[in-house]
C-alpha atoms as a PDB file:
ATOM      1  CA  MET A   1      19.614   3.035  -6.143  1.00  0.00           C
ATOM      2  CA  LEU A   2      16.684   4.022  -8.715  1.00  0.00           C
ATOM      3  CA  ILE A   3      13.311   2.709  -7.704  1.00  0.00           C
ATOM      4  CA  LEU A   4      10.242   3.208  -9.926  1.00  0.00           C
ATOM      5  CA  ALA A   5       7.144   3.113  -7.400  1.00  0.00           C
ATOM      6  CA  CYS A   6       3.444   2.408  -8.702  1.00  0.00           C
ATOM      7  CA  ASP A   7       0.118   2.028  -6.969  1.00  0.00           C
ATOM      8  CA  THR A   8      -2.966   1.790  -8.270  1.00  0.00           C
ATOM      9  CA  SER A   9      -4.847   0.221  -5.395  1.00  0.00           C
ATOM     10  CA  ASN A  10      -7.627   2.962  -4.862  1.00  0.00           C
ATOM     11  CA  SER A  11      -9.189   6.049  -6.982  1.00  0.00           C
ATOM     12  CA  ALA A  12      -6.252   7.466  -7.633  1.00  0.00           C
ATOM     13  CA  CYS A  13      -2.931   6.084  -9.508  1.00  0.00           C
ATOM     14  CA  SER A  14       0.382   7.282  -9.118  1.00  0.00           C
ATOM     15  CA  ALA A  15       4.092   6.623  -9.464  1.00  0.00           C
ATOM     16  CA  CYS A  16       7.280   8.239  -8.360  1.00  0.00           C
ATOM     17  CA  LEU A  17      10.809   7.768  -9.592  1.00  0.00           C
ATOM     18  CA  TYR A  18      13.039   7.763  -6.074  1.00  0.00           C
ATOM     19  CA  GLU A  19      16.674   7.297  -5.853  1.00  0.00           C
ATOM     20  CA  ASP A  20      18.603   6.876  -2.519  1.00  0.00           C
ATOM     21  CA  GLY A  21      15.827   8.303  -0.206  1.00  0.00           C
ATOM     22  CA  ARG A  22      15.460  11.346  -2.670  1.00  0.00           C
ATOM     23  CA  VAL A  23      12.135  11.841  -5.028  1.00  0.00           C
ATOM     24  CA  LEU A  24      13.140  12.816  -8.412  1.00  0.00           C
ATOM     25  CA  ALA A  25      10.028  12.775 -10.243  1.00  0.00           C
ATOM     26  CA  GLN A  26       6.415  11.768  -8.841  1.00  0.00           C
ATOM     27  CA  SER A  27       2.710  11.712 -10.463  1.00  0.00           C
ATOM     28  CA  LEU A  28      -0.700  11.006  -9.051  1.00  0.00           C
ATOM     29  CA  LEU A  29      -3.874  11.238 -11.215  1.00  0.00           C
ATOM     30  CA  SER A  30      -7.678  10.680 -10.144  1.00  0.00           C
ATOM     31  CA  LEU A  31      -9.591  11.850 -13.067  1.00  0.00           C
ATOM     32  CA  GLY A  32     -12.058   9.479 -13.181  1.00  0.00           C
ATOM     33  CA  ARG A  33     -11.540   7.235 -15.389  1.00  0.00           C
ATOM     34  CA  THR A  34      -9.695   3.522 -15.440  1.00  0.00           C
ATOM     35  CA  HIS A  35      -6.855   2.971 -14.018  1.00  0.00           C
ATOM     36  CA  SER A  36      -6.595   1.107 -17.613  1.00  0.00           C
ATOM     37  CA  GLN A  37      -6.710   4.292 -19.390  1.00  0.00           C
ATOM     38  CA  THR A  38      -4.463   6.539 -17.149  1.00  0.00           C
ATOM     39  CA  PHE A  39      -1.520   4.586 -15.454  1.00  0.00           C
ATOM     40  CA  MET A  40       1.040   3.361 -18.709  1.00  0.00           C
ATOM     41  CA  PRO A  41       0.709   6.586 -20.112  1.00  0.00           C
ATOM     42  CA  MET A  42       1.329   8.636 -16.893  1.00  0.00           C
ATOM     43  CA  VAL A  43       4.371   6.111 -16.174  1.00  0.00           C
ATOM     44  CA  HIS A  44       6.024   6.572 -19.530  1.00  0.00           C
ATOM     45  CA  ASP A  45       5.441  10.303 -19.309  1.00  0.00           C
ATOM     46  CA  LEU A  46       7.293  10.274 -16.040  1.00  0.00           C
ATOM     47  CA  MET A  47      10.129   8.237 -17.104  1.00  0.00           C
ATOM     48  CA  LYS A  48      10.550  10.639 -20.413  1.00  0.00           C
ATOM     49  CA  GLN A  49       9.927  14.045 -18.288  1.00  0.00           C
ATOM     50  CA  SER A  50      12.986  12.652 -16.116  1.00  0.00           C
ATOM     51  CA  GLY A  51      15.839  11.898 -18.496  1.00  0.00           C
ATOM     52  CA  LYS A  52      15.623   8.337 -17.205  1.00  0.00           C
ATOM     53  CA  LYS A  53      15.590   5.096 -19.308  1.00  0.00           C
ATOM     54  CA  TYR A  54      13.668   1.527 -17.911  1.00  0.00           C
ATOM     55  CA  SER A  55      17.236   0.025 -18.040  1.00  0.00           C
ATOM     56  CA  GLU A  56      18.580   2.366 -15.568  1.00  0.00           C
ATOM     57  CA  LEU A  57      16.277   1.491 -12.977  1.00  0.00           C
ATOM     58  CA  ASP A  58      17.497  -1.078  -9.924  1.00  0.00           C
ATOM     59  CA  ALA A  59      13.817  -1.952  -9.106  1.00  0.00           C
ATOM     60  CA  PHE A  60      10.336  -1.715  -9.983  1.00  0.00           C
ATOM     61  CA  ALA A  61       7.937  -1.637  -6.679  1.00  0.00           C
ATOM     62  CA  CYS A  62       4.603  -2.277  -6.526  1.00  0.00           C
ATOM     63  CA  ALA A  63       1.555  -1.573  -3.930  1.00  0.00           C
ATOM     64  CA  VAL A  64      -0.024  -5.014  -4.068  1.00  0.00           C
ATOM     65  CA  GLY A  65      -3.449  -4.187  -1.859  1.00  0.00           C
ATOM     66  CA  PRO A  66      -5.669  -4.301  -0.274  1.00  0.00           C
ATOM     67  CA  GLY A  67      -7.776  -2.378  -2.299  1.00  0.00           C
ATOM     68  CA  SER A  68      -9.343  -2.207  -5.241  1.00  0.00           C
ATOM     69  CA  PHE A  69      -9.568  -5.714  -6.939  1.00  0.00           C
ATOM     70  CA  THR A  70      -9.610  -4.187 -10.608  1.00  0.00           C
ATOM     71  CA  GLY A  71      -6.959  -1.788  -9.354  1.00  0.00           C
ATOM     72  CA  ILE A  72      -4.734  -4.133  -7.967  1.00  0.00           C
ATOM     73  CA  ARG A  73      -4.967  -6.104 -10.627  1.00  0.00           C
ATOM     74  CA  ILE A  74      -3.937  -3.240 -13.337  1.00  0.00           C
ATOM     75  CA  GLY A  75      -0.599  -2.745 -11.304  1.00  0.00           C
ATOM     76  CA  VAL A  76       0.415  -5.731 -10.428  1.00  0.00           C
ATOM     77  CA  SER A  77      -0.093  -6.761 -14.428  1.00  0.00           C
ATOM     78  CA  ALA A  78       1.166  -3.451 -15.490  1.00  0.00           C
ATOM     79  CA  VAL A  79       4.384  -3.635 -12.811  1.00  0.00           C
ATOM     80  CA  LYS A  80       5.285  -7.179 -13.485  1.00  0.00           C
ATOM     81  CA  SER A  81       5.227  -7.094 -17.060  1.00  0.00           C
ATOM     82  CA  MET A  82       7.596  -3.759 -16.851  1.00  0.00           C
ATOM     83  CA  ALA A  83       9.997  -5.952 -14.710  1.00  0.00           C
ATOM     84  CA  MET A  84       9.992  -8.877 -16.764  1.00  0.00           C
ATOM     85  CA  THR A  85      10.744  -6.945 -19.845  1.00  0.00           C
ATOM     86  CA  ALA A  86      13.546  -4.841 -17.956  1.00  0.00           C
ATOM     87  CA  GLY A  87      14.861  -7.766 -16.390  1.00  0.00           C
ATOM     88  CA  LYS A  88      14.732  -5.875 -12.752  1.00  0.00           C
ATOM     89  CA  ALA A  89      13.743  -6.765  -9.263  1.00  0.00           C
ATOM     90  CA  ALA A  90       9.899  -6.492  -8.417  1.00  0.00           C
ATOM     91  CA  VAL A  91       9.321  -5.168  -4.492  1.00  0.00           C
ATOM     92  CA  PRO A  92       6.037  -5.781  -2.982  1.00  0.00           C
ATOM     93  CA  VAL A  93       4.670  -3.036  -0.592  1.00  0.00           C
ATOM     94  CA  SER A  94       1.395  -3.367   1.438  1.00  0.00           C
ATOM     95  CA  SER A  95      -1.212  -0.580  -0.006  1.00  0.00           C
ATOM     96  CA  LEU A  96      -1.970  -0.143   3.811  1.00  0.00           C
ATOM     97  CA  GLU A  97       1.212   0.476   5.258  1.00  0.00           C
ATOM     98  CA  ALA A  98       2.180   2.723   2.457  1.00  0.00           C
ATOM     99  CA  LEU A  99      -0.756   5.145   3.456  1.00  0.00           C
ATOM    100  CA  ALA A 100       0.428   5.055   6.909  1.00  0.00           C
ATOM    101  CA  TYR A 101       3.904   5.742   6.582  1.00  0.00           C
ATOM    102  CA  PRO A 102       3.651   9.501   6.598  1.00  0.00           C
ATOM    103  CA  TYR A 103       2.578   9.188   9.777  1.00  0.00           C
ATOM    104  CA  PHE A 104       5.311   6.424  11.400  1.00  0.00           C
ATOM    105  CA  GLU A 105       7.338   9.468  12.890  1.00  0.00           C
ATOM    106  CA  ARG A 106       4.422  10.585  15.557  1.00  0.00           C
ATOM    107  CA  GLU A 107       5.332   9.010  18.722  1.00  0.00           C
ATOM    108  CA  ASN A 108       2.610   7.420  20.679  1.00  0.00           C
ATOM    109  CA  THR A 109       0.027   7.475  18.400  1.00  0.00           C
ATOM    110  CA  LEU A 110      -2.354   4.539  16.866  1.00  0.00           C
ATOM    111  CA  VAL A 111      -1.822   5.073  13.317  1.00  0.00           C
ATOM    112  CA  ALA A 112      -4.938   3.299  11.776  1.00  0.00           C
ATOM    113  CA  ALA A 113      -5.224   3.048   7.923  1.00  0.00           C
ATOM    114  CA  LEU A 114      -8.709   2.097   6.715  1.00  0.00           C
ATOM    115  CA  THR A 115      -9.635   1.841   2.707  1.00  0.00           C
ATOM    116  CA  ASP A 116     -13.188   1.709   1.882  1.00  0.00           C
ATOM    117  CA  ALA A 117     -14.718  -1.932   1.256  1.00  0.00           C
ATOM    118  CA  ARG A 118     -17.775  -0.988   0.952  1.00  0.00           C
ATOM    119  CA  ASN A 119     -21.521  -1.993   3.216  1.00  0.00           C
ATOM    120  CA  ARG A 120     -19.567  -0.699   6.413  1.00  0.00           C
ATOM    121  CA  ARG A 121     -16.482  -2.921   5.859  1.00  0.00           C
ATOM    122  CA  VAL A 122     -12.913  -1.909   5.101  1.00  0.00           C
ATOM    123  CA  PHE A 123      -9.360  -2.759   4.530  1.00  0.00           C
ATOM    124  CA  ALA A 124      -7.786  -1.629   7.693  1.00  0.00           C
ATOM    125  CA  SER A 125      -4.544  -1.992   9.769  1.00  0.00           C
ATOM    126  CA  ALA A 126      -2.954  -0.414  12.745  1.00  0.00           C
ATOM    127  CA  TYR A 127       0.493   0.755  13.456  1.00  0.00           C
ATOM    128  CA  TYR A 128       2.599   2.114  16.277  1.00  0.00           C
ATOM    129  CA  ASN A 129       5.664   3.686  16.293  1.00  0.00           C
ATOM    130  CA  GLY A 130       6.340   2.520  12.862  1.00  0.00           C
ATOM    131  CA  ARG A 131       5.504  -1.393  13.746  1.00  0.00           C
ATOM    132  CA  GLU A 132       2.357  -2.963  12.529  1.00  0.00           C
ATOM    133  CA  VAL A 133       0.255  -3.816  16.152  1.00  0.00           C
ATOM    134  CA  VAL A 134      -3.320  -4.704  14.142  1.00  0.00           C
ATOM    135  CA  PRO A 135      -2.581  -6.836  11.163  1.00  0.00           C
ATOM    136  CA  GLU A 136      -4.358  -5.788   7.862  1.00  0.00           C
ATOM    137  CA  LYS A 137      -7.397  -7.795   7.270  1.00  0.00           C
ATOM    138  CA  ALA A 138     -10.895  -7.047   5.553  1.00  0.00           C
ATOM    139  CA  GLY A 139     -13.760  -6.763   8.001  1.00  0.00           C
ATOM    140  CA  SER A 140     -16.290  -4.559   9.410  1.00  0.00           C
ATOM    141  CA  ILE A 141     -15.356  -1.410  10.991  1.00  0.00           C
ATOM    142  CA  GLU A 142     -17.104  -2.735  14.000  1.00  0.00           C
ATOM    143  CA  GLU A 143     -14.536  -5.577  14.055  1.00  0.00           C
ATOM    144  CA  PHE A 144     -11.560  -3.114  13.023  1.00  0.00           C
ATOM    145  CA  SER A 145     -12.518  -1.044  16.019  1.00  0.00           C
ATOM    146  CA  SER A 146     -12.335  -4.023  18.526  1.00  0.00           C
ATOM    147  CA  ARG A 147      -9.234  -5.131  17.485  1.00  0.00           C
ATOM    148  CA  CYS A 148      -8.062  -1.634  18.250  1.00  0.00           C
ATOM    149  CA  GLU A 149      -9.418  -1.809  21.429  1.00  0.00           C
ATOM    150  CA  ALA A 150      -7.926  -5.504  22.014  1.00  0.00           C
ATOM    151  CA  TRP A 151      -4.635  -3.720  21.497  1.00  0.00           C
ATOM    152  CA  GLU A 152      -4.767  -1.038  23.859  1.00  0.00           C
ATOM    153  CA  ALA A 153      -5.959  -3.425  25.845  1.00  0.00           C
ATOM    154  CA  GLU A 154      -3.155  -5.991  26.174  1.00  0.00           C
ATOM    155  CA  ASN A 155      -0.692  -2.607  26.055  1.00  0.00           C
ATOM    156  CA  THR A 156      -1.673  -0.690  28.898  1.00  0.00           C
ATOM    157  CA  ASP A 157       1.535   1.041  29.424  1.00  0.00           C
ATOM    158  CA  VAL A 158       0.794   2.760  26.060  1.00  0.00           C
ATOM    159  CA  SER A 159      -1.380   5.689  25.897  1.00  0.00           C
ATOM    160  CA  ALA A 160      -1.524   6.414  22.573  1.00  0.00           C
ATOM    161  CA  ASP A 161      -3.348   8.894  20.360  1.00  0.00           C
ATOM    162  CA  ILE A 162      -5.285   7.734  17.166  1.00  0.00           C
ATOM    163  CA  LEU A 163      -4.820   9.218  14.297  1.00  0.00           C
ATOM    164  CA  LEU A 164      -7.040   7.511  11.292  1.00  0.00           C
ATOM    165  CA  CYS A 165      -5.955   7.850   7.252  1.00  0.00           C
ATOM    166  CA  GLY A 166      -7.258   5.975   4.099  1.00  0.00           C
ATOM    167  CA  ASP A 167     -10.470   7.078   2.241  1.00  0.00           C
ATOM    168  CA  ALA A 168     -12.727   5.831   4.746  1.00  0.00           C
ATOM    169  CA  ALA A 169     -10.892   7.736   7.688  1.00  0.00           C
ATOM    170  CA  SER A 170     -13.730  10.468   7.917  1.00  0.00           C
ATOM    171  CA  ALA A 171     -16.431   8.277   7.411  1.00  0.00           C
ATOM    172  CA  TYR A 172     -15.667   6.626  10.269  1.00  0.00           C
ATOM    173  CA  LEU A 173     -13.915   9.420  12.440  1.00  0.00           C
ATOM    174  CA  HIS A 174     -17.183   9.572  14.666  1.00  0.00           C
ATOM    175  CA  GLU A 175     -17.977   5.480  15.286  1.00  0.00           C
ATOM    176  CA  PRO A 176     -18.068   4.787  19.094  1.00  0.00           C
ATOM    177  CA  TYR A 177     -14.580   3.980  19.664  1.00  0.00           C
ATOM    178  CA  PHE A 178     -12.909   6.435  17.832  1.00  0.00           C
ATOM    179  CA  MET A 179     -15.123   9.291  18.725  1.00  0.00           C
ATOM    180  CA  ASN A 180     -14.323   7.816  22.337  1.00  0.00           C
ATOM    181  CA  ARG A 181     -10.919   8.126  22.142  1.00  0.00           C
ATOM    182  CA  ASN A 182     -10.976  11.434  20.899  1.00  0.00           C
ATOM    183  CA  ALA A 183      -9.287  10.584  17.595  1.00  0.00           C
ATOM    184  CA  ARG A 184      -8.143  12.717  14.297  1.00  0.00           C
ATOM    185  CA  THR A 185      -8.159  11.946  10.666  1.00  0.00           C
ATOM    186  CA  ALA A 186      -4.680  13.136   9.038  1.00  0.00           C
ATOM    187  CA  VAL A 187      -4.976  16.122   6.806  1.00  0.00           C
ATOM    188  CA  LEU A 188      -1.554  15.597   4.748  1.00  0.00           C
ATOM    189  CA  PHE A 189      -1.977  13.232   1.941  1.00  0.00           C
ATOM    190  CA  CYS A 190      -4.844  11.893   4.352  1.00  0.00           C
ATOM    191  CA  ARG A 191      -6.735   9.725   1.634  1.00  0.00           C
ATOM    192  CA  GLU A 192      -4.336   8.238  -1.166  1.00  0.00           C
ATOM    193  CA  VAL A 193      -1.112   6.235  -1.027  1.00  0.00           C
ATOM    194  CA  GLN A 194       1.894   8.277  -1.835  1.00  0.00           C
ATOM    195  CA  PRO A 195       3.973   6.783  -4.189  1.00  0.00           C
ATOM    196  CA  ALA A 196       7.053   8.338  -2.491  1.00  0.00           C
ATOM    197  CA  SER A 197       5.967   6.303   0.612  1.00  0.00           C
ATOM    198  CA  VAL A 198       5.595   2.822  -1.791  1.00  0.00           C
ATOM    199  CA  ALA A 199       9.291   3.811  -2.922  1.00  0.00           C
ATOM    200  CA  ALA A 200      10.632   4.353   0.885  1.00  0.00           C
ATOM    201  CA  LEU A 201       8.881   1.136   2.079  1.00  0.00           C
ATOM    202  CA  ALA A 202      10.589  -0.900  -0.951  1.00  0.00           C
ATOM    203  CA  ALA A 203      14.023   1.073  -0.212  1.00  0.00           C
ATOM    204  CA  GLY A 204      13.815  -0.329   3.302  1.00  0.00           C
ATOM    205  CA  THR A 205      12.521  -4.137   2.616  1.00  0.00           C
ATOM    206  CA  ILE A 206      15.613  -4.022  -0.041  1.00  0.00           C
ATOM    207  CA  THR A 207      18.125  -2.606   2.481  1.00  0.00           C
ATOM    208  CA  ARG A 208      16.833  -5.511   4.753  1.00  0.00           C
ATOM    209  CA  SER A 209      16.647  -7.978   2.418  1.00  0.00           C
ATOM    210  CA  LEU A 210      20.327  -7.588   0.877  1.00  0.00           C
ATOM    211  CA  SER A 211      21.493  -7.780   4.147  1.00  0.00           C
ATOM    212  CA  GLU A 212      19.571 -10.923   5.707  1.00  0.00           C
ATOM    213  CA  ALA A 213      20.449 -12.726   2.473  1.00  0.00           C
ATOM    214  CA  ALA A 214      24.516 -12.278   1.678  1.00  0.00           C
ATOM    215  CA  GLY A 215      25.499 -12.791  -1.630  1.00  0.00           C
ATOM    216  CA  ALA A 216      21.832 -13.276  -3.293  1.00  0.00           C
ATOM    217  CA  SER A 217      20.294 -10.730  -6.094  1.00  0.00           C
ATOM    218  CA  LEU A 218      18.331  -8.230  -5.865  1.00  0.00           C
ATOM    219  CA  TYR A 219      16.544  -9.854  -9.013  1.00  0.00           C
ATOM    220  CA  GLU A 220      16.748 -13.776  -7.118  1.00  0.00           C
ATOM    221  CA  LEU A 221      15.108 -12.158  -3.982  1.00  0.00           C
ATOM    222  CA  PHE A 222      12.463 -10.023  -6.067  1.00  0.00           C
ATOM    223  CA  PRO A 223      11.804 -12.138  -9.188  1.00  0.00           C
ATOM    224  CA  PRO A 224       8.900 -10.034 -11.244  1.00  0.00           C
ATOM    225  CA  GLN A 225       7.065 -13.084 -11.789  1.00  0.00           C
ATOM    226  CA  ALA A 226       6.604 -13.615  -8.096  1.00  0.00           C
ATOM    227  CA  LEU A 227       4.645 -10.541  -7.835  1.00  0.00           C
ATOM    228  CA  MET A 228       1.204 -11.227  -6.896  1.00  0.00           C
ATOM    229  CA  PRO A 229      -1.941  -9.013  -5.816  1.00  0.00           C
ATOM    230  CA  VAL A 230      -2.847  -9.056  -1.847  1.00  0.00           C
ATOM    231  CA  TYR A 231      -6.699  -9.015  -1.635  1.00  0.00           C
ATOM    232  CA  ARG A 232      -7.531 -10.360   1.929  1.00  0.00           C
ATOM    233  CA  ALA A 233     -10.838 -10.323   0.973  1.00  0.00           C
ATOM    234  CA  LYS A 234     -12.801 -12.999  -1.598  1.00  0.00           C
ATOM    235  CA  THR A 235     -13.079 -11.602  -5.036  1.00  0.00           C
ATOM    236  CA  SER A 236     -16.848 -11.166  -6.719  1.00  0.00           C
ATOM    237  CA  ALA A 237     -16.085 -14.375  -8.913  1.00  0.00           C
ATOM    238  CA  GLU A 238     -15.134 -16.347  -5.534  1.00  0.00           C
ATOM    239  CA  ARG A 239     -18.444 -15.146  -3.551  1.00  0.00           C
ATOM    240  CA  LYS A 240     -20.793 -15.896  -6.498  1.00  0.00           C
ATOM    241  CA  PHE A 241     -18.930 -19.270  -7.764  1.00  0.00           C
ATOM    242  CA  PRO A 242     -17.598 -20.875  -3.938  1.00  0.00           C
ATOM    243  CA  ASP A 243     -16.979 -23.990  -5.605  1.00  0.00           C
ATOM    244  CA  ALA A 244     -14.942 -22.863  -8.789  1.00  0.00           C
ATOM    245  CA  GLN A 245     -11.148 -23.987  -8.515  1.00  0.00           C
ATOM    246  CA  VAL A 246      -9.834 -20.294  -7.976  1.00  0.00           C
ATOM    247  CA  PRO A 247      -6.330 -20.115  -6.751  1.00  0.00           C
ATOM    248  CA  ALA A 248      -5.958 -19.175  -3.047  1.00  0.00           C
ATOM    249  CA  HIS A 249      -4.918 -15.378  -2.341  1.00  0.00           C
ATOM    250  CA  ALA A 250      -3.144 -13.544   0.443  1.00  0.00           C
END
């Protein structure tokens, strides 16, 4: 199965061609320019250099957030348009889960993915042995620390190391809870979502979904029209105009 996986949810934008568990080609750009300037040229160049055509793809995958509101909108809109034009499925992937994915195989480790939401707020979630145990949510770093501590209190049989990843990891490493638990920041692929992680998570979702919905086509399971941003927080427009009729977000 050939998947084009994309991410624009934070400061870098990236794309990956992934086939049957193998990365064929990938690009990641962080040039200080807007994703609206860099993302589509990067994707087209990736396809050209790989020798693959959009018609050969089995599916698109996109990190849908949480993260940068503007970045997420750019990526989701672009991937949705490409998938609709190509007549292919579009699979959503959590940006936080993709951040944590490279560390899922670390045993007895609570992997905390944190993305900066400004003013001591983070988009954050935590995973243990590859399973989400602290659901993703926007909130203060104190709130996230409390949620991690509550999970530990409910799982007294677990003695977990704590590993922080994401662009807010180093900023909050010395918060009391993490410092008292001798938490560490991941070094490899720490700050940015890796497109190969988006692709691998999408491939897993596709395999499970096709197995559970026997007879359904991939396009029926993941129609591109259904691809939507996941903000986990109110947009600036929703904060400024609370009485306006704004569609609800996940």
